């Protein structure tokens, strides 16, 4: 389709696509039109009657296009068309989405594994610095940092700051991150900029009371 009717239908909100699927659709390695058609089928349920005329009418596209999508998604093992006995004991063709759910579960597991692998270094670093295993409460605190999308480099910098101050306490690290947050510090670069600013302010000469400097101490009456 040169001018995709499916994309127009999607934009109009006639096909509901969960945000999680939309974020991960590239992992399915489907064309956008194929994905939107798959989401149309997904909206119909786990199992439904194979009715290409209904599909075409619902989407306002040609019957030939529906058949192309069905063939493509079947070949790519996202859907399966099978003949089963219905509740009335009659045989009918149905579309099954079991293959799609299997692929979705594999992507979900892969995402979880990657998150765990990416986050594990933070836990490992803190345990190494503390020289002990973290408690369940400490794990929850660190998880809260990560779930709030806190920059991992910033967390590592806070760990370094605590270590430099001779403190091996997660609450102390949490306090550092809290104070940085109040100052609008979100990256390691922000930390460095703040340090330089503090150093510069310390190097500024203190205000001197000129009345005291000009006072002639020897003329003071005893």
Protein backbone atom coordinates (compact mmCIF):
# COMPACT_ATOMS: atom_id res chain seq x y z
CA UNK A 1 0.00 0.00 0.00
CA UNK A 2 1.50 3.31 -1.06
CA UNK A 3 -0.81 5.31 1.18
CA UNK A 4 -1.27 3.04 4.13
CA UNK A 5 -4.89 2.87 5.24
CA UNK A 6 -3.71 0.91 8.27
CA UNK A 7 -1.50 3.74 9.48
CA UNK A 8 -4.40 6.18 9.08
CA UNK A 9 -6.64 3.88 11.13
CA UNK A 10 -3.92 3.58 13.78
CA UNK A 11 -3.53 7.36 13.99
CA UNK A 12 -7.29 7.74 14.37
CA UNK A 13 -7.15 5.49 17.43
CA UNK A 14 -9.22 2.68 15.93
CA UNK A 15 -6.52 0.13 16.73
CA UNK A 16 -5.30 -0.02 20.33
CA UNK A 17 -1.60 -0.83 20.64
CA UNK A 18 -0.16 -1.22 24.16
CA UNK A 19 2.81 1.08 24.75
CA UNK A 20 5.05 -1.88 25.59
CA UNK A 21 4.40 -3.47 22.19
CA UNK A 22 4.85 -0.17 20.39
CA UNK A 23 8.25 0.34 22.05
CA UNK A 24 9.38 -3.15 21.11
CA UNK A 25 7.80 -3.57 17.70
CA UNK A 26 11.15 -3.31 15.87
CA UNK A 27 12.26 -6.49 17.65
CA UNK A 28 9.51 -8.36 15.82
CA UNK A 29 11.23 -7.43 12.53
CA UNK A 30 7.96 -6.59 10.82
CA UNK A 31 7.05 -3.81 8.43
CA UNK A 32 4.92 -1.13 10.10
CA UNK A 33 1.85 -2.16 8.07
CA UNK A 34 2.32 -5.80 9.07
CA UNK A 35 2.68 -4.82 12.71
CA UNK A 36 -0.47 -2.68 12.68
CA UNK A 37 -2.42 -5.50 11.01
CA UNK A 38 -1.09 -7.89 13.67
CA UNK A 39 -2.27 -5.44 16.36
CA UNK A 40 -5.71 -5.39 14.72
CA UNK A 41 -5.81 -9.18 15.06
CA UNK A 42 -4.47 -8.87 18.63
CA UNK A 43 -7.43 -6.59 19.43
CA UNK A 44 -9.82 -9.37 18.31
CA UNK A 45 -8.61 -11.77 21.01
CA UNK A 46 -6.50 -14.91 21.36
CA UNK A 47 -8.63 -17.01 18.99
CA UNK A 48 -11.26 -15.89 16.50
CA UNK A 49 -12.98 -16.93 13.29
CA UNK A 50 -10.91 -16.56 10.14
CA UNK A 51 -13.05 -14.13 8.19
CA UNK A 52 -11.03 -12.20 5.62
CA UNK A 53 -14.08 -10.23 4.47
CA UNK A 54 -14.64 -8.92 7.99
CA UNK A 55 -10.94 -8.02 8.29
CA UNK A 56 -11.05 -6.11 5.00
CA UNK A 57 -14.28 -4.29 5.89
CA UNK A 58 -13.06 -3.36 9.39
CA UNK A 59 -9.84 -1.91 8.01
CA UNK A 60 -11.18 -0.50 4.76
CA UNK A 61 -8.53 -2.26 2.68
CA UNK A 62 -8.62 -4.65 -0.26
CA UNK A 63 -9.22 -8.36 0.28
CA UNK A 64 -5.97 -9.11 -1.57
CA UNK A 65 -4.05 -6.99 0.95
CA UNK A 66 -5.60 -8.88 3.86
CA UNK A 67 -4.54 -12.17 2.32
CA UNK A 68 -1.00 -10.83 1.82
CA UNK A 69 -0.80 -9.88 5.50
CA UNK A 70 -2.18 -13.27 6.59
CA UNK A 71 0.35 -15.12 4.41
CA UNK A 72 3.25 -12.95 5.59
CA UNK A 73 2.42 -13.23 9.31
CA UNK A 74 1.86 -16.97 8.98
CA UNK A 75 5.18 -17.44 7.18
CA UNK A 76 6.97 -15.36 9.83
CA UNK A 77 5.29 -17.51 12.51
CA UNK A 78 3.25 -14.80 14.24
CA UNK A 79 -0.15 -16.33 13.59
CA UNK A 80 -1.58 -19.68 12.63
CA UNK A 81 -4.78 -20.49 10.75
CA UNK A 82 -6.24 -23.79 11.91
CA UNK A 83 -9.47 -25.77 11.65
CA UNK A 84 -11.08 -26.67 14.98
CA UNK A 85 -14.45 -27.81 16.28
CA UNK A 86 -16.50 -24.95 17.75
CA UNK A 87 -18.93 -25.02 20.68
CA UNK A 88 -21.71 -26.27 18.39
CA UNK A 89 -19.61 -29.18 17.21
CA UNK A 90 -19.04 -27.66 13.78
CA UNK A 91 -15.62 -27.36 12.14
CA UNK A 92 -14.48 -23.80 11.45
CA UNK A 93 -11.34 -21.94 10.47
CA UNK A 94 -9.84 -19.82 13.23
CA UNK A 95 -6.83 -17.55 13.67
CA UNK A 96 -4.58 -18.44 16.61
CA UNK A 97 -2.11 -15.96 18.14
CA UNK A 98 -0.14 -18.48 20.23
CA UNK A 99 2.99 -17.98 18.12
CA UNK A 100 2.81 -14.22 18.62
CA UNK A 101 2.53 -14.62 22.39
CA UNK A 102 5.51 -16.98 22.38
CA UNK A 103 7.62 -14.39 20.53
CA UNK A 104 6.39 -11.67 22.90
CA UNK A 105 7.35 -13.72 25.96
CA UNK A 106 10.86 -14.29 24.57
CA UNK A 107 11.30 -10.55 23.98
CA UNK A 108 10.04 -9.80 27.51
CA UNK A 109 12.44 -12.33 29.05
CA UNK A 110 15.30 -10.92 26.97
CA UNK A 111 14.48 -7.38 28.17
CA UNK A 112 14.39 -8.50 31.81
CA UNK A 113 17.70 -10.35 31.48
CA UNK A 114 19.33 -7.31 29.89
CA UNK A 115 18.02 -5.04 32.65
CA UNK A 116 19.35 -7.38 35.34
CA UNK A 117 22.74 -7.62 33.63
CA UNK A 118 22.93 -3.85 33.18
CA UNK A 119 21.92 -3.13 36.78
CA UNK A 120 23.96 -5.86 38.47
CA UNK A 121 27.18 -3.83 38.26
CA UNK A 122 25.72 -1.20 40.64
CA UNK A 123 24.90 -3.85 43.24
CA UNK A 124 28.33 -5.45 42.78
CA UNK A 125 30.17 -2.13 43.15
CA UNK A 126 28.36 -1.23 46.38
CA UNK A 127 28.88 -4.69 47.88
CA UNK A 128 32.56 -4.48 47.01
CA UNK A 129 32.89 -1.02 48.60
CA UNK A 130 31.00 -2.10 51.72
CA UNK A 131 32.82 -5.42 51.93
CA UNK A 132 29.61 -7.28 52.62
CA UNK A 133 26.34 -8.51 51.11
CA UNK A 134 23.58 -5.94 50.84
CA UNK A 135 20.50 -6.29 53.01
CA UNK A 136 17.02 -6.64 51.48
CA UNK A 137 16.19 -3.04 52.45
CA UNK A 138 19.37 -1.80 50.76
CA UNK A 139 18.45 -3.73 47.61
CA UNK A 140 15.06 -1.99 47.60
CA UNK A 141 16.68 1.44 47.96
CA UNK A 142 19.01 0.78 45.01
CA UNK A 143 16.14 -0.63 42.95
CA UNK A 144 14.20 2.57 43.62
CA UNK A 145 17.12 4.62 42.22
CA UNK A 146 17.20 2.51 39.07
CA UNK A 147 13.42 2.44 38.62
CA UNK A 148 13.43 6.24 38.80
CA UNK A 149 15.89 6.20 35.87
CA UNK A 150 18.68 7.74 37.89
CA UNK A 151 21.90 7.95 35.88
CA UNK A 152 24.09 4.98 36.82
CA UNK A 153 27.22 7.07 36.42
CA UNK A 154 25.76 9.51 38.95
CA UNK A 155 25.12 6.67 41.40
CA UNK A 156 28.71 5.50 40.97
CA UNK A 157 29.91 9.06 41.58
CA UNK A 158 27.88 9.22 44.81
CA UNK A 159 29.45 5.91 45.90
CA UNK A 160 32.88 7.39 45.19
CA UNK A 161 32.00 10.53 47.17
CA UNK A 162 30.90 8.46 50.16
CA UNK A 163 34.05 6.33 49.98
CA UNK A 164 36.26 9.45 49.86
CA UNK A 165 34.50 10.67 53.00
CA UNK A 166 35.15 7.32 54.68
CA UNK A 167 31.47 6.41 54.90
CA UNK A 168 30.16 2.97 53.92
CA UNK A 169 26.49 3.58 54.44
CA UNK A 170 23.75 3.38 51.83
CA UNK A 171 21.65 6.01 53.60
CA UNK A 172 24.58 8.39 53.26
CA UNK A 173 24.79 7.70 49.52
CA UNK A 174 21.03 8.18 49.25
CA UNK A 175 21.41 11.53 51.04
CA UNK A 176 24.12 12.60 48.57
CA UNK A 177 21.87 11.74 45.63
CA UNK A 178 18.97 13.57 47.29
CA UNK A 179 21.02 16.73 47.82
CA UNK A 180 22.33 16.58 44.25
CA UNK A 181 18.76 16.24 43.04
CA UNK A 182 17.76 19.41 44.92
CA UNK A 183 20.63 21.23 43.19
CA UNK A 184 19.49 19.99 39.80
CA UNK A 185 22.53 17.73 39.42
CA UNK A 186 21.68 14.85 37.08
CA UNK A 187 25.02 13.81 35.55
CA UNK A 188 28.65 13.39 36.52
CA UNK A 189 29.40 16.51 34.48
CA UNK A 190 26.97 18.43 36.68
CA UNK A 191 28.80 17.13 39.77
CA UNK A 192 32.14 18.33 38.44
CA UNK A 193 30.71 21.72 37.54
CA UNK A 194 29.26 22.07 41.03
CA UNK A 195 32.60 21.14 42.63
CA UNK A 196 34.43 23.73 40.57
CA UNK A 197 31.86 26.33 41.51
CA UNK A 198 32.31 25.54 45.21
CA UNK A 199 36.09 25.63 44.91
CA UNK A 200 35.93 28.99 43.15
CA UNK A 201 33.73 30.44 45.88
CA UNK A 202 36.19 29.29 48.55
CA UNK A 203 39.08 30.99 46.74
CA UNK A 204 37.27 34.34 46.65
CA UNK A 205 38.76 36.83 49.16
CA UNK A 206 36.59 37.37 52.21
CA UNK A 207 34.93 40.76 52.67
CA UNK A 208 37.03 42.89 55.01
CA UNK A 209 35.61 45.52 57.34
CA UNK A 210 37.59 48.61 56.20
CA UNK A 211 36.65 50.48 59.39
CA UNK A 212 38.67 47.93 61.34
CA UNK A 213 41.58 48.14 58.92
CA UNK A 214 41.68 51.97 59.08
CA UNK A 215 41.38 52.11 62.88
CA UNK A 216 44.34 53.68 64.59
CA UNK A 217 44.80 51.29 67.45
CA UNK A 218 47.52 53.38 69.09
CA UNK A 219 45.18 56.40 69.49
CA UNK A 220 42.55 54.39 71.32
CA UNK A 221 41.95 55.67 74.83
CA UNK A 222 42.71 53.16 77.53
